[in-house]
């Protein structure tokens, strides 16, 4: 009888440890894209992939459209481990690593492919360790896109056309410096408040990738779209180091693989959709101009100096070497 009880106790102990190792886990992912945007579709793809490949051990709950707070708040909660994952831009990550501030240098990239070569290769090897020191683990680069300028006053074909316009930007220096270098007056307004600010004429315009201009119906208050492509940035999928450390090595590998898969999907989806969205924006009444970006880049001297002060001359120099070596 004692042998049976002892065997039963051993069995229950083993089963207890086994159940702990495969305990179900629910992770929160907060981001700023709306439900229809490719960013949210990529997040859902990631969640489905992780759930399926972990046999239901990991469930990812998605909170789009700033449901958990504005981007800086969500990122701060992610660093603290209150939120498990987020999708900040490099500009938001610059608070925790100045190297990330380099990414949005105005007119830095020749194409999407050039940006991918830099960010997926030498850049993340260089900057990734600083994220871990801040309490975040880099999973994969997703997408947001080249940012373009809209306004309700006049078409923009030269930098001089932008002079004096009141332009809303996020609180990110590379974008603000680029806009101010061409003579615009910058105002920082929360993205959730932007539609009303445009409607009421608080600002004349704003700047964002085509996908955002289309998905968030910016065309309802903006007549003119200039394809300036002045800054590139992307969503960066990061996880709290506290959460990462709770995962098994197998789960960590799955999370990274599914994040990259979702990021690749988002990149392709946004690039494929851009030309069609521009056509639809024109059909909806927007006047689209395609300025000579060399004229705008020639005005960026003051912006580059401000960037150098912000991220450090050595960091900026290293980043410029990366840009040149990956062309």
C-alpha atoms as a PDB file:
ATOM      1  CA  UNK A   1       0.000   0.000   0.000  1.00  0.00           C
ATOM      2  CA  UNK A   2       2.832   2.355   0.910  1.00  0.00           C
ATOM      3  CA  UNK A   3       4.568   1.574  -2.390  1.00  0.00           C
ATOM      4  CA  UNK A   4       1.375   2.429  -4.279  1.00  0.00           C
ATOM      5  CA  UNK A   5       0.981   5.705  -2.389  1.00  0.00           C
ATOM      6  CA  UNK A   6       4.617   6.583  -2.991  1.00  0.00           C
ATOM      7  CA  UNK A   7       4.276   5.825  -6.702  1.00  0.00           C
ATOM      8  CA  UNK A   8       1.098   7.905  -6.883  1.00  0.00           C
ATOM      9  CA  UNK A   9       2.835  10.817  -5.138  1.00  0.00           C
ATOM     10  CA  UNK A  10       5.752  10.665  -7.575  1.00  0.00           C
ATOM     11  CA  UNK A  11       3.332  10.542 -10.526  1.00  0.00           C
ATOM     12  CA  UNK A  12       1.356  13.548  -9.280  1.00  0.00           C
ATOM     13  CA  UNK A  13       4.567  15.519  -8.658  1.00  0.00           C
ATOM     14  CA  UNK A  14       5.822  14.805 -12.175  1.00  0.00           C
ATOM     15  CA  UNK A  15       2.471  15.768 -13.682  1.00  0.00           C
ATOM     16  CA  UNK A  16       2.438  18.951 -11.610  1.00  0.00           C
ATOM     17  CA  UNK A  17       5.817  20.045 -12.967  1.00  0.00           C
ATOM     18  CA  UNK A  18       4.767  19.103 -16.491  1.00  0.00           C
ATOM     19  CA  UNK A  19       1.659  21.226 -16.238  1.00  0.00           C
ATOM     20  CA  UNK A  20       3.711  24.173 -14.949  1.00  0.00           C
ATOM     21  CA  UNK A  21       6.037  23.866 -17.944  1.00  0.00           C
ATOM     22  CA  UNK A  22       3.131  24.012 -20.381  1.00  0.00           C
ATOM     23  CA  UNK A  23       0.899  26.415 -18.469  1.00  0.00           C
ATOM     24  CA  UNK A  24      -1.286  28.554 -20.694  1.00  0.00           C
ATOM     25  CA  UNK A  25      -0.121  32.140 -20.992  1.00  0.00           C
ATOM     26  CA  UNK A  26      -1.974  35.208 -22.280  1.00  0.00           C
ATOM     27  CA  UNK A  27       0.150  38.060 -23.621  1.00  0.00           C
ATOM     28  CA  UNK A  28      -0.970  41.613 -24.376  1.00  0.00           C
ATOM     29  CA  UNK A  29       0.120  43.373 -27.587  1.00  0.00           C
ATOM     30  CA  UNK A  30      -0.755  47.081 -27.834  1.00  0.00           C
ATOM     31  CA  UNK A  31      -0.268  49.238 -30.927  1.00  0.00           C
ATOM     32  CA  UNK A  32      -1.517  52.368 -32.704  1.00  0.00           C
ATOM     33  CA  UNK A  33      -2.748  51.148 -36.125  1.00  0.00           C
ATOM     34  CA  UNK A  34      -6.503  50.933 -36.550  1.00  0.00           C
ATOM     35  CA  UNK A  35      -8.369  47.666 -37.045  1.00  0.00           C
ATOM     36  CA  UNK A  36      -8.375  47.921 -40.878  1.00  0.00           C
ATOM     37  CA  UNK A  37      -4.685  48.774 -41.219  1.00  0.00           C
ATOM     38  CA  UNK A  38      -2.168  46.147 -42.374  1.00  0.00           C
ATOM     39  CA  UNK A  39      -0.390  46.581 -39.030  1.00  0.00           C
ATOM     40  CA  UNK A  40      -3.345  45.150 -37.161  1.00  0.00           C
ATOM     41  CA  UNK A  41      -3.768  42.365 -39.711  1.00  0.00           C
ATOM     42  CA  UNK A  42      -0.097  41.477 -39.224  1.00  0.00           C
ATOM     43  CA  UNK A  43      -0.617  41.484 -35.450  1.00  0.00           C
ATOM     44  CA  UNK A  44      -3.506  39.049 -35.850  1.00  0.00           C
ATOM     45  CA  UNK A  45      -1.408  36.847 -38.128  1.00  0.00           C
ATOM     46  CA  UNK A  46       1.315  36.828 -35.475  1.00  0.00           C
ATOM     47  CA  UNK A  47      -1.182  35.954 -32.717  1.00  0.00           C
ATOM     48  CA  UNK A  48      -2.709  33.121 -34.742  1.00  0.00           C
ATOM     49  CA  UNK A  49       0.684  31.699 -35.680  1.00  0.00           C
ATOM     50  CA  UNK A  50       1.988  31.722 -32.112  1.00  0.00           C
ATOM     51  CA  UNK A  51      -1.203  30.178 -30.719  1.00  0.00           C
ATOM     52  CA  UNK A  52      -1.203  27.424 -33.315  1.00  0.00           C
ATOM     53  CA  UNK A  53       2.496  26.554 -33.075  1.00  0.00           C
ATOM     54  CA  UNK A  54       2.477  26.493 -29.246  1.00  0.00           C
ATOM     55  CA  UNK A  55      -0.639  24.291 -29.240  1.00  0.00           C
ATOM     56  CA  UNK A  56      -2.603  26.935 -27.383  1.00  0.00           C
ATOM     57  CA  UNK A  57       0.006  27.476 -24.660  1.00  0.00           C
ATOM     58  CA  UNK A  58       0.368  31.140 -25.696  1.00  0.00           C
ATOM     59  CA  UNK A  59      -2.587  33.370 -26.539  1.00  0.00           C
ATOM     60  CA  UNK A  60      -1.932  36.900 -27.764  1.00  0.00           C
ATOM     61  CA  UNK A  61      -4.573  39.562 -27.082  1.00  0.00           C
ATOM     62  CA  UNK A  62      -4.350  42.486 -29.496  1.00  0.00           C
ATOM     63  CA  UNK A  63      -5.246  46.064 -28.547  1.00  0.00           C
ATOM     64  CA  UNK A  64      -5.156  48.274 -31.686  1.00  0.00           C
ATOM     65  CA  UNK A  65      -5.811  51.978 -32.205  1.00  0.00           C
ATOM     66  CA  UNK A  66      -4.167  53.156 -28.955  1.00  0.00           C
ATOM     67  CA  UNK A  67      -6.663  51.253 -26.788  1.00  0.00           C
ATOM     68  CA  UNK A  68      -4.034  50.850 -24.052  1.00  0.00           C
ATOM     69  CA  UNK A  69      -2.793  54.450 -24.272  1.00  0.00           C
ATOM     70  CA  UNK A  70      -0.825  56.636 -26.675  1.00  0.00           C
ATOM     71  CA  UNK A  71       2.412  55.181 -28.155  1.00  0.00           C
ATOM     72  CA  UNK A  72       4.884  56.591 -25.577  1.00  0.00           C
ATOM     73  CA  UNK A  73       2.646  55.376 -22.729  1.00  0.00           C
ATOM     74  CA  UNK A  74       2.298  51.900 -24.228  1.00  0.00           C
ATOM     75  CA  UNK A  75       6.046  51.646 -24.766  1.00  0.00           C
ATOM     76  CA  UNK A  76       6.751  52.708 -21.181  1.00  0.00           C
ATOM     77  CA  UNK A  77       4.315  50.071 -19.905  1.00  0.00           C
ATOM     78  CA  UNK A  78       6.047  47.549 -22.174  1.00  0.00           C
ATOM     79  CA  UNK A  79       9.447  48.407 -20.678  1.00  0.00           C
ATOM     80  CA  UNK A  80       7.987  47.955 -17.183  1.00  0.00           C
ATOM     81  CA  UNK A  81       6.416  44.614 -18.126  1.00  0.00           C
ATOM     82  CA  UNK A  82       2.827  45.771 -17.599  1.00  0.00           C
ATOM     83  CA  UNK A  83       2.204  45.215 -21.330  1.00  0.00           C
ATOM     84  CA  UNK A  84       3.990  42.241 -22.875  1.00  0.00           C
ATOM     85  CA  UNK A  85       4.548  43.513 -26.422  1.00  0.00           C
ATOM     86  CA  UNK A  86       4.252  46.703 -28.441  1.00  0.00           C
ATOM     87  CA  UNK A  87       4.997  48.039 -31.921  1.00  0.00           C
ATOM     88  CA  UNK A  88       6.742  51.397 -31.440  1.00  0.00           C
ATOM     89  CA  UNK A  89       8.531  53.346 -34.148  1.00  0.00           C
ATOM     90  CA  UNK A  90      12.277  53.901 -34.006  1.00  0.00           C
ATOM     91  CA  UNK A  91      11.576  57.483 -32.961  1.00  0.00           C
ATOM     92  CA  UNK A  92       9.781  56.271 -29.841  1.00  0.00           C
ATOM     93  CA  UNK A  93      12.569  53.791 -29.076  1.00  0.00           C
ATOM     94  CA  UNK A  94      15.128  56.612 -29.240  1.00  0.00           C
ATOM     95  CA  UNK A  95      14.155  57.489 -25.659  1.00  0.00           C
ATOM     96  CA  UNK A  96      15.755  54.196 -24.587  1.00  0.00           C
ATOM     97  CA  UNK A  97      18.593  54.027 -27.144  1.00  0.00           C
ATOM     98  CA  UNK A  98      19.895  57.076 -29.020  1.00  0.00           C
ATOM     99  CA  UNK A  99      20.995  54.798 -31.838  1.00  0.00           C
ATOM    100  CA  UNK A 100      17.347  54.287 -32.800  1.00  0.00           C
ATOM    101  CA  UNK A 101      17.053  58.045 -33.278  1.00  0.00           C
ATOM    102  CA  UNK A 102      19.352  57.733 -36.305  1.00  0.00           C
ATOM    103  CA  UNK A 103      16.914  55.573 -38.299  1.00  0.00           C
ATOM    104  CA  UNK A 104      14.557  58.413 -39.230  1.00  0.00           C
ATOM    105  CA  UNK A 105      17.283  60.707 -40.553  1.00  0.00           C
ATOM    106  CA  UNK A 106      15.535  62.752 -43.290  1.00  0.00           C
ATOM    107  CA  UNK A 107      16.005  61.422 -46.836  1.00  0.00           C
ATOM    108  CA  UNK A 108      18.371  58.687 -45.625  1.00  0.00           C
ATOM    109  CA  UNK A 109      17.251  55.800 -47.851  1.00  0.00           C
ATOM    110  CA  UNK A 110      17.121  55.337 -51.598  1.00  0.00           C
ATOM    111  CA  UNK A 111      14.291  52.789 -51.479  1.00  0.00           C
ATOM    112  CA  UNK A 112      12.352  50.395 -49.274  1.00  0.00           C
ATOM    113  CA  UNK A 113      14.876  47.642 -50.061  1.00  0.00           C
ATOM    114  CA  UNK A 114      17.730  49.905 -48.973  1.00  0.00           C
ATOM    115  CA  UNK A 115      15.970  50.587 -45.661  1.00  0.00           C
ATOM    116  CA  UNK A 116      15.428  46.853 -45.083  1.00  0.00           C
ATOM    117  CA  UNK A 117      19.096  46.041 -45.745  1.00  0.00           C
ATOM    118  CA  UNK A 118      20.179  48.598 -43.156  1.00  0.00           C
ATOM    119  CA  UNK A 119      17.605  47.879 -40.448  1.00  0.00           C
ATOM    120  CA  UNK A 120      17.563  44.069 -40.685  1.00  0.00           C
ATOM    121  CA  UNK A 121      21.343  43.821 -40.913  1.00  0.00           C
ATOM    122  CA  UNK A 122      24.054  46.011 -39.421  1.00  0.00           C
ATOM    123  CA  UNK A 123      21.715  48.357 -37.590  1.00  0.00           C
ATOM    124  CA  UNK A 124      19.977  45.884 -35.304  1.00  0.00           C
ATOM    125  CA  UNK A 125      23.274  44.128 -34.528  1.00  0.00           C
ATOM    126  CA  UNK A 126      24.584  47.547 -33.456  1.00  0.00           C
ATOM    127  CA  UNK A 127      21.537  48.856 -31.576  1.00  0.00           C
ATOM    128  CA  UNK A 128      19.743  45.727 -30.349  1.00  0.00           C
ATOM    129  CA  UNK A 129      21.870  45.204 -27.201  1.00  0.00           C
ATOM    130  CA  UNK A 130      20.935  48.680 -25.934  1.00  0.00           C
ATOM    131  CA  UNK A 131      17.258  47.724 -26.096  1.00  0.00           C
ATOM    132  CA  UNK A 132      17.911  44.726 -23.877  1.00  0.00           C
ATOM    133  CA  UNK A 133      19.648  46.980 -21.360  1.00  0.00           C
ATOM    134  CA  UNK A 134      16.433  49.046 -21.302  1.00  0.00           C
ATOM    135  CA  UNK A 135      14.287  45.958 -20.667  1.00  0.00           C
ATOM    136  CA  UNK A 136      13.106  45.136 -24.201  1.00  0.00           C
ATOM    137  CA  UNK A 137      13.818  42.274 -26.585  1.00  0.00           C
ATOM    138  CA  UNK A 138      13.827  42.969 -30.340  1.00  0.00           C
ATOM    139  CA  UNK A 139      11.670  40.486 -32.267  1.00  0.00           C
ATOM    140  CA  UNK A 140      11.464  41.830 -35.835  1.00  0.00           C
ATOM    141  CA  UNK A 141      11.105  44.934 -37.993  1.00  0.00           C
ATOM    142  CA  UNK A 142       7.611  45.407 -39.362  1.00  0.00           C
ATOM    143  CA  UNK A 143       6.521  48.355 -41.532  1.00  0.00           C
ATOM    144  CA  UNK A 144       5.064  51.855 -41.494  1.00  0.00           C
ATOM    145  CA  UNK A 145       6.550  53.478 -44.551  1.00  0.00           C
ATOM    146  CA  UNK A 146       7.933  56.595 -46.166  1.00  0.00           C
ATOM    147  CA  UNK A 147       6.139  59.644 -44.813  1.00  0.00           C
ATOM    148  CA  UNK A 148       4.497  62.155 -47.156  1.00  0.00           C
ATOM    149  CA  UNK A 149       3.076  65.632 -46.655  1.00  0.00           C
ATOM    150  CA  UNK A 150      -0.587  66.665 -46.924  1.00  0.00           C
ATOM    151  CA  UNK A 151      -2.245  70.054 -46.470  1.00  0.00           C
ATOM    152  CA  UNK A 152      -5.443  71.954 -47.198  1.00  0.00           C
ATOM    153  CA  UNK A 153      -3.885  75.199 -48.516  1.00  0.00           C
ATOM    154  CA  UNK A 154      -1.859  74.598 -51.693  1.00  0.00           C
ATOM    155  CA  UNK A 155      -0.029  71.973 -53.751  1.00  0.00           C
ATOM    156  CA  UNK A 156       3.598  71.418 -52.787  1.00  0.00           C
ATOM    157  CA  UNK A 157       6.196  71.104 -55.536  1.00  0.00           C
ATOM    158  CA  UNK A 158       9.173  72.823 -53.911  1.00  0.00           C
ATOM    159  CA  UNK A 159      10.341  73.364 -50.318  1.00  0.00           C
ATOM    160  CA  UNK A 160       9.235  76.984 -50.617  1.00  0.00           C
ATOM    161  CA  UNK A 161       5.636  75.825 -51.101  1.00  0.00           C
ATOM    162  CA  UNK A 162       5.698  74.382 -47.575  1.00  0.00           C
ATOM    163  CA  UNK A 163       6.991  77.557 -45.958  1.00  0.00           C
ATOM    164  CA  UNK A 164       4.595  78.983 -43.373  1.00  0.00           C
ATOM    165  CA  UNK A 165       2.252  75.989 -43.300  1.00  0.00           C
ATOM    166  CA  UNK A 166       1.229  74.738 -39.854  1.00  0.00           C
ATOM    167  CA  UNK A 167       2.015  71.015 -39.904  1.00  0.00           C
ATOM    168  CA  UNK A 168       1.141  68.449 -37.257  1.00  0.00           C
ATOM    169  CA  UNK A 169       3.885  65.952 -36.462  1.00  0.00           C
ATOM    170  CA  UNK A 170       4.355  63.334 -33.758  1.00  0.00           C
ATOM    171  CA  UNK A 171       6.783  64.310 -30.973  1.00  0.00           C
ATOM    172  CA  UNK A 172       9.784  62.915 -32.845  1.00  0.00           C
ATOM    173  CA  UNK A 173      12.767  65.132 -33.638  1.00  0.00           C
ATOM    174  CA  UNK A 174      13.721  63.732 -37.080  1.00  0.00           C
ATOM    175  CA  UNK A 175      10.258  64.553 -38.444  1.00  0.00           C
ATOM    176  CA  UNK A 176       9.974  67.916 -36.725  1.00  0.00           C
ATOM    177  CA  UNK A 177      13.471  68.911 -37.844  1.00  0.00           C
ATOM    178  CA  UNK A 178      12.688  67.939 -41.456  1.00  0.00           C
ATOM    179  CA  UNK A 179       9.485  69.991 -41.513  1.00  0.00           C
ATOM    180  CA  UNK A 180      11.101  73.023 -39.896  1.00  0.00           C
ATOM    181  CA  UNK A 181      14.047  72.836 -42.318  1.00  0.00           C
ATOM    182  CA  UNK A 182      11.633  73.506 -45.199  1.00  0.00           C
ATOM    183  CA  UNK A 183      10.010  76.412 -43.359  1.00  0.00           C
ATOM    184  CA  UNK A 184       6.895  74.792 -41.931  1.00  0.00           C
ATOM    185  CA  UNK A 185       5.643  75.579 -38.432  1.00  0.00           C
ATOM    186  CA  UNK A 186       5.409  72.378 -36.408  1.00  0.00           C
ATOM    187  CA  UNK A 187       2.685  71.565 -33.907  1.00  0.00           C
ATOM    188  CA  UNK A 188       2.621  68.380 -31.841  1.00  0.00           C
ATOM    189  CA  UNK A 189      -0.876  66.930 -31.541  1.00  0.00           C
ATOM    190  CA  UNK A 190      -1.882  63.438 -30.400  1.00  0.00           C
ATOM    191  CA  UNK A 191      -2.813  61.312 -33.400  1.00  0.00           C
ATOM    192  CA  UNK A 192      -6.241  60.584 -31.909  1.00  0.00           C
ATOM    193  CA  UNK A 193      -6.933  64.338 -31.926  1.00  0.00           C
ATOM    194  CA  UNK A 194      -5.598  64.931 -35.448  1.00  0.00           C
ATOM    195  CA  UNK A 195      -8.862  64.511 -37.435  1.00  0.00           C
ATOM    196  CA  UNK A 196     -10.588  67.198 -35.358  1.00  0.00           C
ATOM    197  CA  UNK A 197      -7.540  69.487 -35.506  1.00  0.00           C
ATOM    198  CA  UNK A 198      -7.543  69.248 -39.306  1.00  0.00           C
ATOM    199  CA  UNK A 199     -11.296  69.762 -39.502  1.00  0.00           C
ATOM    200  CA  UNK A 200     -11.170  72.855 -37.304  1.00  0.00           C
ATOM    201  CA  UNK A 201      -8.132  74.294 -39.083  1.00  0.00           C
ATOM    202  CA  UNK A 202      -5.922  74.197 -35.992  1.00  0.00           C
ATOM    203  CA  UNK A 203      -3.219  72.979 -38.390  1.00  0.00           C
ATOM    204  CA  UNK A 204      -3.009  73.195 -42.184  1.00  0.00           C
ATOM    205  CA  UNK A 205      -1.629  69.742 -42.695  1.00  0.00           C
ATOM    206  CA  UNK A 206       0.137  66.641 -41.451  1.00  0.00           C
ATOM    207  CA  UNK A 207       2.570  63.995 -42.683  1.00  0.00           C
ATOM    208  CA  UNK A 208       2.235  60.219 -42.711  1.00  0.00           C
ATOM    209  CA  UNK A 209       2.651  57.197 -45.000  1.00  0.00           C
ATOM    210  CA  UNK A 210       0.070  56.772 -47.770  1.00  0.00           C
ATOM    211  CA  UNK A 211      -1.489  53.789 -45.973  1.00  0.00           C
ATOM    212  CA  UNK A 212      -2.274  55.984 -42.948  1.00  0.00           C
ATOM    213  CA  UNK A 213      -3.600  58.853 -45.057  1.00  0.00           C
ATOM    214  CA  UNK A 214      -5.943  56.386 -46.728  1.00  0.00           C
ATOM    215  CA  UNK A 215      -6.939  54.180 -43.761  1.00  0.00           C
ATOM    216  CA  UNK A 216      -7.597  57.105 -41.424  1.00  0.00           C
ATOM    217  CA  UNK A 217      -9.469  59.129 -44.100  1.00  0.00           C
ATOM    218  CA  UNK A 218      -7.123  62.109 -43.935  1.00  0.00           C
ATOM    219  CA  UNK A 219      -8.388  62.948 -47.417  1.00  0.00           C
ATOM    220  CA  UNK A 220     -11.664  64.175 -45.910  1.00  0.00           C
ATOM    221  CA  UNK A 221      -9.971  67.380 -44.717  1.00  0.00           C
ATOM    222  CA  UNK A 222      -6.823  67.523 -46.884  1.00  0.00           C
ATOM    223  CA  UNK A 223      -6.874  68.501 -50.532  1.00  0.00           C
ATOM    224  CA  UNK A 224      -3.166  68.182 -51.390  1.00  0.00           C
ATOM    225  CA  UNK A 225      -0.747  65.269 -51.085  1.00  0.00           C
ATOM    226  CA  UNK A 226       2.965  65.712 -51.867  1.00  0.00           C
ATOM    227  CA  UNK A 227       4.968  62.498 -52.228  1.00  0.00           C
ATOM    228  CA  UNK A 228       8.017  63.796 -50.392  1.00  0.00           C
ATOM    229  CA  UNK A 229       9.078  60.566 -48.658  1.00  0.00           C
ATOM    230  CA  UNK A 230      10.955  62.770 -46.193  1.00  0.00           C
ATOM    231  CA  UNK A 231      11.345  60.245 -43.356  1.00  0.00           C
ATOM    232  CA  UNK A 232      11.136  56.462 -43.273  1.00  0.00           C
ATOM    233  CA  UNK A 233      10.127  54.586 -40.179  1.00  0.00           C
ATOM    234  CA  UNK A 234       8.613  51.261 -39.277  1.00  0.00           C
ATOM    235  CA  UNK A 235       6.873  49.479 -36.480  1.00  0.00           C
ATOM    236  CA  UNK A 236       9.423  47.587 -34.397  1.00  0.00           C
ATOM    237  CA  UNK A 237       8.036  44.516 -32.664  1.00  0.00           C
ATOM    238  CA  UNK A 238       9.460  44.377 -29.151  1.00  0.00           C
ATOM    239  CA  UNK A 239       8.711  42.284 -26.081  1.00  0.00           C
ATOM    240  CA  UNK A 240       9.257  43.022 -22.406  1.00  0.00           C
ATOM    241  CA  UNK A 241      12.376  41.225 -21.218  1.00  0.00           C
ATOM    242  CA  UNK A 242      10.358  40.124 -18.167  1.00  0.00           C
ATOM    243  CA  UNK A 243       7.884  38.322 -20.427  1.00  0.00           C
ATOM    244  CA  UNK A 244      10.632  36.964 -22.687  1.00  0.00           C
ATOM    245  CA  UNK A 245      12.314  35.323 -19.723  1.00  0.00           C
ATOM    246  CA  UNK A 246       9.089  33.463 -18.878  1.00  0.00           C
ATOM    247  CA  UNK A 247       9.111  31.687 -22.247  1.00  0.00           C
ATOM    248  CA  UNK A 248      10.848  28.408 -22.942  1.00  0.00           C
ATOM    249  CA  UNK A 249      13.629  28.463 -25.581  1.00  0.00           C
ATOM    250  CA  UNK A 250      11.218  26.730 -27.991  1.00  0.00           C
ATOM    251  CA  UNK A 251       8.538  29.368 -27.368  1.00  0.00           C
ATOM    252  CA  UNK A 252      11.081  32.168 -27.814  1.00  0.00           C
ATOM    253  CA  UNK A 253      12.069  30.748 -31.197  1.00  0.00           C
ATOM    254  CA  UNK A 254       8.422  30.481 -32.287  1.00  0.00           C
ATOM    255  CA  UNK A 255       7.655  34.059 -31.207  1.00  0.00           C
ATOM    256  CA  UNK A 256      10.630  35.423 -33.180  1.00  0.00           C
ATOM    257  CA  UNK A 257       9.836  33.384 -36.278  1.00  0.00           C
ATOM    258  CA  UNK A 258       6.161  34.351 -36.287  1.00  0.00           C
ATOM    259  CA  UNK A 259       7.034  38.015 -35.725  1.00  0.00           C
ATOM    260  CA  UNK A 260       9.339  38.035 -38.741  1.00  0.00           C
ATOM    261  CA  UNK A 261       6.681  36.281 -40.831  1.00  0.00           C
ATOM    262  CA  UNK A 262       4.083  38.913 -39.829  1.00  0.00           C
ATOM    263  CA  UNK A 263       6.535  41.736 -40.484  1.00  0.00           C
ATOM    264  CA  UNK A 264       7.363  40.420 -43.964  1.00  0.00           C
ATOM    265  CA  UNK A 265       3.644  40.166 -44.705  1.00  0.00           C
ATOM    266  CA  UNK A 266       3.067  43.761 -43.568  1.00  0.00           C
ATOM    267  CA  UNK A 267       5.957  45.075 -45.646  1.00  0.00           C
ATOM    268  CA  UNK A 268       4.664  43.418 -48.796  1.00  0.00           C
ATOM    269  CA  UNK A 269       1.024  44.321 -48.134  1.00  0.00           C
ATOM    270  CA  UNK A 270       1.743  48.037 -47.696  1.00  0.00           C
ATOM    271  CA  UNK A 271       4.035  48.221 -50.707  1.00  0.00           C
ATOM    272  CA  UNK A 272       1.549  46.360 -52.893  1.00  0.00           C
ATOM    273  CA  UNK A 273      -1.321  48.608 -51.788  1.00  0.00           C
ATOM    274  CA  UNK A 274       0.413  51.991 -52.071  1.00  0.00           C
ATOM    275  CA  UNK A 275      -0.053  52.647 -55.817  1.00  0.00           C
ATOM    276  CA  UNK A 276      -3.717  51.627 -55.647  1.00  0.00           C
ATOM    277  CA  UNK A 277      -4.301  53.804 -52.599  1.00  0.00           C
ATOM    278  CA  UNK A 278      -2.759  56.837 -54.303  1.00  0.00           C
ATOM    279  CA  UNK A 279      -5.110  56.279 -57.247  1.00  0.00           C
ATOM    280  CA  UNK A 280      -8.079  56.021 -54.892  1.00  0.00           C
ATOM    281  CA  UNK A 281      -7.014  59.183 -53.051  1.00  0.00           C
ATOM    282  CA  UNK A 282      -7.006  61.014 -56.382  1.00  0.00           C
ATOM    283  CA  UNK A 283     -10.467  59.651 -57.150  1.00  0.00           C
ATOM    284  CA  UNK A 284     -11.578  60.935 -53.731  1.00  0.00           C
ATOM    285  CA  UNK A 285     -10.463  64.435 -54.688  1.00  0.00           C
ATOM    286  CA  UNK A 286      -6.863  64.733 -53.544  1.00  0.00           C
ATOM    287  CA  UNK A 287      -4.377  66.461 -55.822  1.00  0.00           C
ATOM    288  CA  UNK A 288      -1.132  64.468 -55.771  1.00  0.00           C
ATOM    289  CA  UNK A 289       2.231  66.039 -56.602  1.00  0.00           C
ATOM    290  CA  UNK A 290       5.597  64.303 -56.955  1.00  0.00           C
ATOM    291  CA  UNK A 291       8.246  66.887 -56.112  1.00  0.00           C
ATOM    292  CA  UNK A 292      11.941  66.575 -56.886  1.00  0.00           C
ATOM    293  CA  UNK A 293      13.084  65.283 -53.493  1.00  0.00           C
ATOM    294  CA  UNK A 294      16.653  66.473 -54.177  1.00  0.00           C
ATOM    295  CA  UNK A 295      15.397  70.032 -53.636  1.00  0.00           C
ATOM    296  CA  UNK A 296      14.074  69.056 -50.217  1.00  0.00           C
ATOM    297  CA  UNK A 297      17.154  67.054 -49.236  1.00  0.00           C
ATOM    298  CA  UNK A 298      19.316  70.074 -50.059  1.00  0.00           C
ATOM    299  CA  UNK A 299      17.515  71.972 -47.273  1.00  0.00           C
ATOM    300  CA  UNK A 300      18.249  69.382 -44.575  1.00  0.00           C
ATOM    301  CA  UNK A 301      21.526  70.847 -43.266  1.00  0.00           C
ATOM    302  CA  UNK A 302      19.907  72.326 -40.121  1.00  0.00           C
ATOM    303  CA  UNK A 303      17.948  69.101 -39.544  1.00  0.00           C
ATOM    304  CA  UNK A 304      21.142  67.020 -39.723  1.00  0.00           C
ATOM    305  CA  UNK A 305      22.850  69.310 -37.210  1.00  0.00           C
ATOM    306  CA  UNK A 306      19.946  68.929 -34.805  1.00  0.00           C
ATOM    307  CA  UNK A 307      20.044  65.165 -35.289  1.00  0.00           C
ATOM    308  CA  UNK A 308      23.763  65.133 -34.536  1.00  0.00           C
ATOM    309  CA  UNK A 309      23.147  66.947 -31.256  1.00  0.00           C
ATOM    310  CA  UNK A 310      20.313  64.586 -30.362  1.00  0.00           C
ATOM    311  CA  UNK A 311      21.833  61.171 -31.150  1.00  0.00           C
ATOM    312  CA  UNK A 312      25.516  62.035 -30.824  1.00  0.00           C
ATOM    313  CA  UNK A 313      28.029  62.737 -33.582  1.00  0.00           C
ATOM    314  CA  UNK A 314      29.657  59.302 -33.257  1.00  0.00           C
ATOM    315  CA  UNK A 315      26.327  57.458 -33.561  1.00  0.00           C
ATOM    316  CA  UNK A 316      25.275  59.483 -36.581  1.00  0.00           C
ATOM    317  CA  UNK A 317      28.636  58.945 -38.279  1.00  0.00           C
ATOM    318  CA  UNK A 318      28.380  55.184 -37.726  1.00  0.00           C
ATOM    319  CA  UNK A 319      24.852  55.166 -39.125  1.00  0.00           C
ATOM    320  CA  UNK A 320      25.908  57.117 -42.237  1.00  0.00           C
ATOM    321  CA  UNK A 321      28.575  54.477 -42.853  1.00  0.00           C
ATOM    322  CA  UNK A 322      25.864  51.779 -42.670  1.00  0.00           C
ATOM    323  CA  UNK A 323      23.731  53.670 -45.174  1.00  0.00           C
ATOM    324  CA  UNK A 324      26.606  53.953 -47.619  1.00  0.00           C
ATOM    325  CA  UNK A 325      27.831  50.363 -47.254  1.00  0.00           C
ATOM    326  CA  UNK A 326      24.382  48.829 -47.917  1.00  0.00           C
ATOM    327  CA  UNK A 327      23.523  50.698 -51.130  1.00  0.00           C
END
